[in-house]
Structures are given as structure tokens and as C-alpha cells.
Amino acid sequence: MFRQGDILIQPVADEAVPDTARGLPAAPRDGRGRMVLALGEATGHTHAVQAPGALHRSGHPFVPDYLHLPSGGRLVHEEHAPIALPTGWYRVIRQREYTPGAVRMVAD
């Protein structure tokens, strides 16, 4: 597993990737050609992957996204050291927090 700030990336076996994730369209890349996993609400900094591949967004904040890196890649962020990611499929999970009356995504 890999963690960078409020993002957790878990390797997933190819056969464990749900067909619903494979059928999702690839998320668009940002202006620098990166796949943005999470955008910092306060700072504007991003957790992003620089690599060929695809990020399949679930569209629901509490359902993981899936990342496919056929050649591996690098997870980058302005305030964290880069992390090398090997070839494969990954589940991308955003950290959540409890507040009285609600569960919400951690704001950065």
C-alpha cells in the first residue's frame, strides 16, 4: 500500500477489479497531462499521477476510484515526496473523517 497525505493507494489483482470500474470512462487529465486523484480544497495542491494509464472515477465520494498503470508511474504532490508506483491496478481511497452528524472527506 502507498499513502500520501489523505490518499491511500492499494494494489489490486487484475481479476479483482470490478467490471463496473473497467467500464467507467477515463477521467480527464489536467493541463500538465497528469491524472489528478485529489485536489486540495484549501491550497489548490494536487495528488496526481504522472504516467500513461487511466483513472476510472466512481462518481461517489465514498466509493473508491480505480487507477490502471500499464507502465508504472509516479504519485506527486507539492508538499510530499514523490512515490514510485509499479505496473498494475490500484484502488484509490480518500481519507474520511467523522464530524457530529456526518462523515465527510478530509479537506486539505
Protein backbone atom coordinates (compact mmCIF):
# COMPACT_ATOMS: atom_id res chain seq x y z
CA MET A 1 0.00 0.00 0.00
CA PHE A 2 1.00 3.58 -0.57
CA ARG A 3 -0.12 6.64 1.37
CA GLN A 4 0.44 10.27 0.51
CA GLY A 5 -1.40 12.71 2.76
CA ASP A 6 -5.13 11.92 2.66
CA ILE A 7 -4.82 9.47 -0.28
CA LEU A 8 -4.43 5.69 0.15
CA ILE A 9 -3.49 3.62 -2.90
CA GLN A 10 -3.95 -0.14 -2.63
CA PRO A 11 -2.67 -2.57 -5.27
CA VAL A 12 -5.47 -4.76 -6.63
CA ALA A 13 -5.12 -8.01 -8.55
CA ASP A 14 -6.30 -7.68 -12.15
CA GLU A 15 -9.09 -10.24 -11.63
CA ALA A 16 -10.32 -8.34 -8.53
CA VAL A 17 -11.05 -5.13 -10.44
CA PRO A 18 -14.84 -4.92 -10.82
CA ASP A 19 -16.26 -4.77 -14.33
CA THR A 20 -18.08 -1.60 -13.29
CA ALA A 21 -14.71 0.10 -12.70
CA ARG A 22 -13.31 -1.11 -16.03
CA GLY A 23 -16.41 0.18 -17.82
CA LEU A 24 -16.08 3.73 -16.47
CA PRO A 25 -14.60 6.31 -18.83
CA ALA A 26 -11.11 7.50 -18.03
CA ALA A 27 -11.05 10.76 -16.07
CA PRO A 28 -9.64 13.74 -17.97
CA ARG A 29 -6.08 14.83 -17.32
CA ASP A 30 -5.15 18.27 -16.03
CA GLY A 31 -3.34 20.93 -18.06
CA ARG A 32 0.00 19.25 -17.31
CA GLY A 33 -1.14 15.82 -18.53
CA ARG A 34 -1.47 14.35 -15.02
CA MET A 35 -4.26 12.22 -13.58
CA VAL A 36 -5.48 14.17 -10.54
CA LEU A 37 -6.50 11.88 -7.68
CA ALA A 38 -7.45 14.67 -5.28
CA LEU A 39 -7.44 18.44 -5.36
CA GLY A 40 -6.60 20.37 -2.21
CA GLU A 41 -9.59 22.49 -1.29
CA ALA A 42 -7.59 24.99 0.77
CA THR A 43 -4.23 25.08 -1.03
CA GLY A 44 -5.04 24.07 -4.59
CA HIS A 45 -2.25 21.48 -4.41
CA THR A 46 -2.96 18.15 -6.07
CA HIS A 47 -2.24 14.48 -5.51
CA ALA A 48 -1.60 13.45 -9.12
CA VAL A 49 -0.08 10.60 -11.11
CA GLN A 50 2.37 11.23 -13.93
CA ALA A 51 2.15 8.17 -16.18
CA PRO A 52 0.38 6.58 -19.08
CA GLY A 53 -2.76 4.83 -17.92
CA ALA A 54 -6.28 5.67 -16.80
CA LEU A 55 -8.10 6.82 -13.70
CA HIS A 56 -11.63 5.44 -13.51
CA ARG A 57 -13.74 7.63 -11.21
CA SER A 58 -16.67 6.04 -9.37
CA GLY A 59 -18.52 9.34 -9.17
CA HIS A 60 -19.33 8.81 -5.48
CA PRO A 61 -17.13 10.27 -2.73
CA PHE A 62 -17.24 7.14 -0.56
CA VAL A 63 -16.73 4.58 -3.35
CA PRO A 64 -13.09 4.01 -4.38
CA ASP A 65 -11.74 5.05 -7.75
CA TYR A 66 -9.57 2.66 -9.76
CA LEU A 67 -6.23 3.53 -11.32
CA HIS A 68 -4.60 1.47 -14.08
CA LEU A 69 -0.88 1.96 -14.71
CA PRO A 70 0.30 -0.33 -17.52
CA SER A 71 3.87 1.00 -17.23
CA GLY A 72 4.00 2.17 -13.63
CA GLY A 73 4.11 5.82 -12.64
CA ARG A 74 4.84 8.47 -10.02
CA LEU A 75 2.46 9.90 -7.44
CA VAL A 76 3.33 13.57 -6.90
CA HIS A 77 2.24 16.39 -4.59
CA GLU A 78 3.71 19.82 -3.92
CA GLU A 79 4.22 19.13 -0.19
CA HIS A 80 5.16 15.42 -0.21
CA ALA A 81 7.99 13.34 -1.65
CA PRO A 82 7.07 11.54 -4.91
CA ILE A 83 6.17 7.86 -4.69
CA ALA A 84 7.02 5.35 -7.43
CA LEU A 85 4.09 3.09 -8.31
CA PRO A 86 4.74 -0.25 -10.04
CA THR A 87 2.73 -1.52 -13.00
CA GLY A 88 -0.79 -2.67 -12.16
CA TRP A 89 -4.28 -1.80 -10.96
CA TYR A 90 -4.91 0.24 -7.81
CA ARG A 91 -7.84 1.21 -5.66
CA VAL A 92 -7.71 4.90 -4.69
CA ILE A 93 -9.33 5.80 -1.37
CA ARG A 94 -9.68 9.30 0.09
CA GLN A 95 -9.42 9.64 3.85
CA ARG A 96 -12.67 10.40 5.63
CA GLU A 97 -13.39 11.98 8.99
CA TYR A 98 -16.31 11.95 11.38
CA THR A 99 -17.96 15.16 12.45
CA PRO A 100 -21.06 15.20 14.65
CA GLY A 101 -23.92 14.27 12.38
CA ALA A 102 -21.88 13.43 9.27
CA VAL A 103 -18.97 11.62 7.70
CA ARG A 104 -17.05 13.73 5.21
CA MET A 105 -13.93 13.70 3.09
CA VAL A 106 -10.86 15.19 4.76
CA ALA A 107 -10.30 18.72 3.48
CA ASP A 108 -6.69 19.62 2.69
